[in-house]
């Protein structure tokens, strides 16, 4: 999945926000596959996968 995201990033002229959003999407998909917790929300996914940042921090990257 990361290779697919890298291919898109390499081929398209994405801004920082778009690259962050694509990365967050990949992390969320991988998290869902490996944790098997479909009931968890985005905050749970962020908390499990991003060190030293809060869900609010990650959301601020999308501004």
PDB file of N, CA and C in Angstrom:
ATOM      1  N   UNK A   1       0.811  -1.185   0.000  1.00  0.00           N
ATOM      2  CA  UNK A   1       0.000   0.000   0.000  1.00  0.00           C
ATOM      3  C   UNK A   1       0.858   1.255   0.000  1.00  0.00           C
ATOM      4  N   UNK A   2       1.924   1.222   0.781  1.00  0.00           N
ATOM      5  CA  UNK A   2       2.818   2.381   0.784  1.00  0.00           C
ATOM      6  C   UNK A   2       3.450   2.585  -0.581  1.00  0.00           C
ATOM      7  N   UNK A   3       3.769   1.489  -1.258  1.00  0.00           N
ATOM      8  CA  UNK A   3       4.345   1.609  -2.598  1.00  0.00           C
ATOM      9  C   UNK A   3       3.340   2.238  -3.556  1.00  0.00           C
ATOM     10  N   UNK A   4       2.076   1.905  -3.396  1.00  0.00           N
ATOM     11  CA  UNK A   4       1.039   2.520  -4.225  1.00  0.00           C
ATOM     12  C   UNK A   4       0.938   4.009  -3.961  1.00  0.00           C
ATOM     13  N   UNK A   5       0.978   4.389  -2.694  1.00  0.00           N
ATOM     14  CA  UNK A   5       0.946   5.809  -2.338  1.00  0.00           C
ATOM     15  C   UNK A   5       2.180   6.516  -2.893  1.00  0.00           C
ATOM     16  N   UNK A   6       3.345   5.885  -2.784  1.00  0.00           N
ATOM     17  CA  UNK A   6       4.571   6.481  -3.308  1.00  0.00           C
ATOM     18  C   UNK A   6       4.493   6.696  -4.812  1.00  0.00           C
ATOM     19  N   UNK A   7       3.874   5.762  -5.509  1.00  0.00           N
ATOM     20  CA  UNK A   7       3.708   5.885  -6.958  1.00  0.00           C
ATOM     21  C   UNK A   7       2.852   7.104  -7.297  1.00  0.00           C
ATOM     22  N   UNK A   8       1.759   7.281  -6.572  1.00  0.00           N
ATOM     23  CA  UNK A   8       0.887   8.438  -6.792  1.00  0.00           C
ATOM     24  C   UNK A   8       1.639   9.726  -6.487  1.00  0.00           C
ATOM     25  N   UNK A   9       2.340   9.750  -5.366  1.00  0.00           N
ATOM     26  CA  UNK A   9       3.091  10.947  -4.975  1.00  0.00           C
ATOM     27  C   UNK A   9       4.152  11.287  -6.008  1.00  0.00           C
ATOM     28  N   UNK A  10       4.850  10.288  -6.515  1.00  0.00           N
ATOM     29  CA  UNK A  10       5.915  10.517  -7.488  1.00  0.00           C
ATOM     30  C   UNK A  10       5.375  11.014  -8.826  1.00  0.00           C
ATOM     31  N   UNK A  11       4.176  10.585  -9.182  1.00  0.00           N
ATOM     32  CA  UNK A  11       3.640  10.902 -10.504  1.00  0.00           C
ATOM     33  C   UNK A  11       2.833  12.193 -10.530  1.00  0.00           C
ATOM     34  N   UNK A  12       2.287  12.579  -9.385  1.00  0.00           N
ATOM     35  CA  UNK A  12       1.450  13.774  -9.328  1.00  0.00           C
ATOM     36  C   UNK A  12       2.140  14.861  -8.512  1.00  0.00           C
ATOM     37  N   UNK A  13       1.842  16.068  -8.830  1.00  0.00           N
ATOM     38  CA  UNK A  13       2.413  17.198  -8.096  1.00  0.00           C
ATOM     39  C   UNK A  13       1.501  17.514  -6.917  1.00  0.00           C
ATOM     40  N   UNK A  14       1.682  16.749  -5.828  1.00  0.00           N
ATOM     41  CA  UNK A  14       0.831  16.921  -4.668  1.00  0.00           C
ATOM     42  C   UNK A  14       1.433  17.923  -3.696  1.00  0.00           C
ATOM     43  N   UNK A  15       0.564  18.676  -3.068  1.00  0.00           N
ATOM     44  CA  UNK A  15       1.008  19.572  -2.013  1.00  0.00           C
ATOM     45  C   UNK A  15       1.172  18.802  -0.708  1.00  0.00           C
ATOM     46  N   UNK A  16       1.705  19.471   0.298  1.00  0.00           N
ATOM     47  CA  UNK A  16       1.930  18.818   1.588  1.00  0.00           C
ATOM     48  C   UNK A  16       0.648  18.252   2.176  1.00  0.00           C
ATOM     49  N   UNK A  17      -0.442  19.009   2.100  1.00  0.00           N
ATOM     50  CA  UNK A  17      -1.716  18.550   2.659  1.00  0.00           C
ATOM     51  C   UNK A  17      -2.173  17.266   1.989  1.00  0.00           C
ATOM     52  N   UNK A  18      -2.083  17.221   0.677  1.00  0.00           N
ATOM     53  CA  UNK A  18      -2.519  16.026  -0.049  1.00  0.00           C
ATOM     54  C   UNK A  18      -1.644  14.823   0.281  1.00  0.00           C
ATOM     55  N   UNK A  19      -0.337  15.049   0.413  1.00  0.00           N
ATOM     56  CA  UNK A  19       0.555  13.943   0.772  1.00  0.00           C
ATOM     57  C   UNK A  19       0.275  13.449   2.184  1.00  0.00           C
ATOM     58  N   UNK A  20       0.008  14.379   3.112  1.00  0.00           N
ATOM     59  CA  UNK A  20      -0.346  13.978   4.476  1.00  0.00           C
ATOM     60  C   UNK A  20      -1.647  13.189   4.498  1.00  0.00           C
ATOM     61  N   UNK A  21      -2.615  13.636   3.733  1.00  0.00           N
ATOM     62  CA  UNK A  21      -3.909  12.945   3.683  1.00  0.00           C
ATOM     63  C   UNK A  21      -3.768  11.556   3.086  1.00  0.00           C
ATOM     64  N   UNK A  22      -2.983  11.431   2.040  1.00  0.00           N
ATOM     65  CA  UNK A  22      -2.737  10.124   1.430  1.00  0.00           C
ATOM     66  C   UNK A  22      -2.023   9.202   2.418  1.00  0.00           C
ATOM     67  N   UNK A  23      -1.029   9.722   3.117  1.00  0.00           N
ATOM     68  CA  UNK A  23      -0.325   8.929   4.121  1.00  0.00           C
ATOM     69  C   UNK A  23      -1.241   8.478   5.246  1.00  0.00           C
ATOM     70  N   UNK A  24      -2.106   9.376   5.714  1.00  0.00           N
ATOM     71  CA  UNK A  24      -3.060   9.032   6.767  1.00  0.00           C
ATOM     72  C   UNK A  24      -4.038   7.960   6.286  1.00  0.00           C
ATOM     73  N   UNK A  25      -4.438   8.035   5.051  1.00  0.00           N
ATOM     74  CA  UNK A  25      -5.343   7.033   4.486  1.00  0.00           C
ATOM     75  C   UNK A  25      -4.669   5.660   4.460  1.00  0.00           C
ATOM     76  N   UNK A  26      -3.428   5.609   4.030  1.00  0.00           N
ATOM     77  CA  UNK A  26      -2.690   4.337   3.994  1.00  0.00           C
ATOM     78  C   UNK A  26      -2.548   3.771   5.403  1.00  0.00           C
ATOM     79  N   UNK A  27      -2.164   4.621   6.357  1.00  0.00           N
ATOM     80  CA  UNK A  27      -2.019   4.166   7.747  1.00  0.00           C
ATOM     81  C   UNK A  27      -3.336   3.612   8.269  1.00  0.00           C
ATOM     82  N   UNK A  28      -4.427   4.284   7.963  1.00  0.00           N
ATOM     83  CA  UNK A  28      -5.748   3.846   8.431  1.00  0.00           C
ATOM     84  C   UNK A  28      -6.125   2.495   7.835  1.00  0.00           C
ATOM     85  N   UNK A  29      -5.874   2.306   6.560  1.00  0.00           N
ATOM     86  CA  UNK A  29      -6.183   1.026   5.915  1.00  0.00           C
ATOM     87  C   UNK A  29      -5.357  -0.100   6.533  1.00  0.00           C
ATOM     88  N   UNK A  30      -4.066   0.134   6.685  1.00  0.00           N
ATOM     89  CA  UNK A  30      -3.185  -0.888   7.268  1.00  0.00           C
ATOM     90  C   UNK A  30      -3.609  -1.193   8.704  1.00  0.00           C
ATOM     91  N   UNK A  31      -3.943  -0.161   9.462  1.00  0.00           N
ATOM     92  CA  UNK A  31      -4.392  -0.359  10.839  1.00  0.00           C
ATOM     93  C   UNK A  31      -5.643  -1.230  10.875  1.00  0.00           C
ATOM     94  N   UNK A  32      -6.597  -0.959  10.009  1.00  0.00           N
ATOM     95  CA  UNK A  32      -7.831  -1.749   9.971  1.00  0.00           C
ATOM     96  C   UNK A  32      -7.550  -3.207   9.637  1.00  0.00           C
ATOM     97  N   UNK A  33      -6.645  -3.444   8.732  1.00  0.00           N
ATOM     98  CA  UNK A  33      -6.309  -4.821   8.342  1.00  0.00           C
ATOM     99  C   UNK A  33      -5.682  -5.578   9.507  1.00  0.00           C
ATOM    100  N   UNK A  34      -4.736  -4.940  10.194  1.00  0.00           N
ATOM    101  CA  UNK A  34      -3.969  -5.656  11.213  1.00  0.00           C
ATOM    102  C   UNK A  34      -4.579  -5.638  12.605  1.00  0.00           C
ATOM    103  N   UNK A  35      -5.412  -4.656  12.929  1.00  0.00           N
ATOM    104  CA  UNK A  35      -6.004  -4.641  14.267  1.00  0.00           C
ATOM    105  C   UNK A  35      -7.343  -5.347  14.300  1.00  0.00           C
ATOM    106  N   UNK A  36      -8.027  -5.381  13.174  1.00  0.00           N
ATOM    107  CA  UNK A  36      -9.345  -5.998  13.147  1.00  0.00           C
ATOM    108  C   UNK A  36     -10.348  -5.298  14.047  1.00  0.00           C
ATOM    109  N   UNK A  37     -10.222  -3.983  14.158  1.00  0.00           N
ATOM    110  CA  UNK A  37     -11.111  -3.203  15.017  1.00  0.00           C
ATOM    111  C   UNK A  37     -11.892  -2.185  14.190  1.00  0.00           C
ATOM    112  N   UNK A  38     -12.869  -2.651  13.420  1.00  0.00           N
ATOM    113  CA  UNK A  38     -13.612  -1.731  12.565  1.00  0.00           C
ATOM    114  C   UNK A  38     -14.457  -0.722  13.343  1.00  0.00           C
ATOM    115  N   UNK A  39     -14.684  -1.000  14.629  1.00  0.00           N
ATOM    116  CA  UNK A  39     -15.484  -0.081  15.438  1.00  0.00           C
ATOM    117  C   UNK A  39     -14.686   1.147  15.889  1.00  0.00           C
ATOM    118  N   UNK A  40     -13.359   1.091  15.787  1.00  0.00           N
ATOM    119  CA  UNK A  40     -12.524   2.205  16.207  1.00  0.00           C
ATOM    120  C   UNK A  40     -12.634   3.369  15.238  1.00  0.00           C
ATOM    121  N   UNK A  41     -12.567   4.545  15.782  1.00  0.00           N
ATOM    122  CA  UNK A  41     -12.616   5.758  14.978  1.00  0.00           C
ATOM    123  C   UNK A  41     -11.224   6.234  14.595  1.00  0.00           C
ATOM    124  N   UNK A  42     -11.196   7.331  13.874  1.00  0.00           N
ATOM    125  CA  UNK A  42      -9.931   7.875  13.393  1.00  0.00           C
ATOM    126  C   UNK A  42      -9.014   8.261  14.549  1.00  0.00           C
ATOM    127  N   UNK A  43      -9.562   8.804  15.626  1.00  0.00           N
ATOM    128  CA  UNK A  43      -8.722   9.162  16.773  1.00  0.00           C
ATOM    129  C   UNK A  43      -7.988   7.945  17.318  1.00  0.00           C
ATOM    130  N   UNK A  44      -8.668   6.803  17.373  1.00  0.00           N
ATOM    131  CA  UNK A  44      -8.029   5.567  17.842  1.00  0.00           C
ATOM    132  C   UNK A  44      -6.891   5.155  16.915  1.00  0.00           C
ATOM    133  N   UNK A  45      -7.134   5.242  15.625  1.00  0.00           N
ATOM    134  CA  UNK A  45      -6.109   4.875  14.634  1.00  0.00           C
ATOM    135  C   UNK A  45      -4.895   5.786  14.776  1.00  0.00           C
ATOM    136  N   UNK A  46      -5.142   7.077  14.895  1.00  0.00           N
ATOM    137  CA  UNK A  46      -4.043   8.032  15.036  1.00  0.00           C
ATOM    138  C   UNK A  46      -3.255   7.751  16.313  1.00  0.00           C
ATOM    139  N   UNK A  47      -3.949   7.528  17.408  1.00  0.00           N
ATOM    140  CA  UNK A  47      -3.284   7.282  18.691  1.00  0.00           C
ATOM    141  C   UNK A  47      -2.396   6.043  18.644  1.00  0.00           C
ATOM    142  N   UNK A  48      -2.820   5.027  17.913  1.00  0.00           N
ATOM    143  CA  UNK A  48      -2.028   3.796  17.798  1.00  0.00           C
ATOM    144  C   UNK A  48      -0.818   3.941  16.885  1.00  0.00           C
ATOM    145  N   UNK A  49      -0.912   4.822  15.911  1.00  0.00           N
ATOM    146  CA  UNK A  49       0.081   4.818  14.839  1.00  0.00           C
ATOM    147  C   UNK A  49       0.986   6.038  14.751  1.00  0.00           C
ATOM    148  N   UNK A  50       0.690   7.071  15.469  1.00  0.00           N
ATOM    149  CA  UNK A  50       1.514   8.276  15.429  1.00  0.00           C
ATOM    150  C   UNK A  50       2.066   8.545  16.823  1.00  0.00           C
ATOM    151  N   UNK A  51       3.376   8.539  16.947  1.00  0.00           N
ATOM    152  CA  UNK A  51       4.042   8.780  18.229  1.00  0.00           C
ATOM    153  C   UNK A  51       4.164  10.278  18.495  1.00  0.00           C
ATOM    154  N   UNK A  52       3.946  10.650  19.731  1.00  0.00           N
ATOM    155  CA  UNK A  52       4.192  12.026  20.202  1.00  0.00           C
ATOM    156  C   UNK A  52       3.330  13.091  19.544  1.00  0.00           C
ATOM    157  N   UNK A  53       2.221  12.703  18.932  1.00  0.00           N
ATOM    158  CA  UNK A  53       1.269  13.689  18.423  1.00  0.00           C
ATOM    159  C   UNK A  53      -0.137  13.247  18.809  1.00  0.00           C
ATOM    160  N   UNK A  54      -1.018  14.198  18.921  1.00  0.00           N
ATOM    161  CA  UNK A  54      -2.409  13.908  19.255  1.00  0.00           C
ATOM    162  C   UNK A  54      -3.240  13.865  17.978  1.00  0.00           C
ATOM    163  N   UNK A  55      -4.435  13.311  18.068  1.00  0.00           N
ATOM    164  CA  UNK A  55      -5.319  13.371  16.900  1.00  0.00           C
ATOM    165  C   UNK A  55      -5.557  14.811  16.435  1.00  0.00           C
ATOM    166  N   UNK A  56      -5.609  15.744  17.371  1.00  0.00           N
ATOM    167  CA  UNK A  56      -5.794  17.152  17.000  1.00  0.00           C
ATOM    168  C   UNK A  56      -4.602  17.675  16.209  1.00  0.00           C
ATOM    169  N   UNK A  57      -3.396  17.231  16.605  1.00  0.00           N
ATOM    170  CA  UNK A  57      -2.196  17.616  15.845  1.00  0.00           C
ATOM    171  C   UNK A  57      -2.289  17.128  14.405  1.00  0.00           C
ATOM    172  N   UNK A  58      -2.657  15.874  14.240  1.00  0.00           N
ATOM    173  CA  UNK A  58      -2.754  15.302  12.894  1.00  0.00           C
ATOM    174  C   UNK A  58      -3.814  16.027  12.091  1.00  0.00           C
ATOM    175  N   UNK A  59      -4.943  16.327  12.716  1.00  0.00           N
ATOM    176  CA  UNK A  59      -5.996  17.064  11.991  1.00  0.00           C
ATOM    177  C   UNK A  59      -5.511  18.449  11.570  1.00  0.00           C
ATOM    178  N   UNK A  60      -4.644  19.061  12.367  1.00  0.00           N
ATOM    179  CA  UNK A  60      -4.143  20.394  12.021  1.00  0.00           C
ATOM    180  C   UNK A  60      -3.281  20.370  10.763  1.00  0.00           C
ATOM    181  N   UNK A  61      -2.704  19.211  10.447  1.00  0.00           N
ATOM    182  CA  UNK A  61      -1.920  19.095   9.225  1.00  0.00           C
ATOM    183  C   UNK A  61      -2.793  19.248   7.984  1.00  0.00           C
ATOM    184  N   UNK A  62      -4.089  19.035   8.150  1.00  0.00           N
ATOM    185  CA  UNK A  62      -4.990  19.077   7.005  1.00  0.00           C
ATOM    186  C   UNK A  62      -5.540  20.476   6.734  1.00  0.00           C
ATOM    187  N   UNK A  63      -5.208  21.422   7.614  1.00  0.00           N
ATOM    188  CA  UNK A  63      -5.697  22.799   7.440  1.00  0.00           C
ATOM    189  C   UNK A  63      -4.982  23.501   6.321  1.00  0.00           C
TER     190      UNK A  63
END
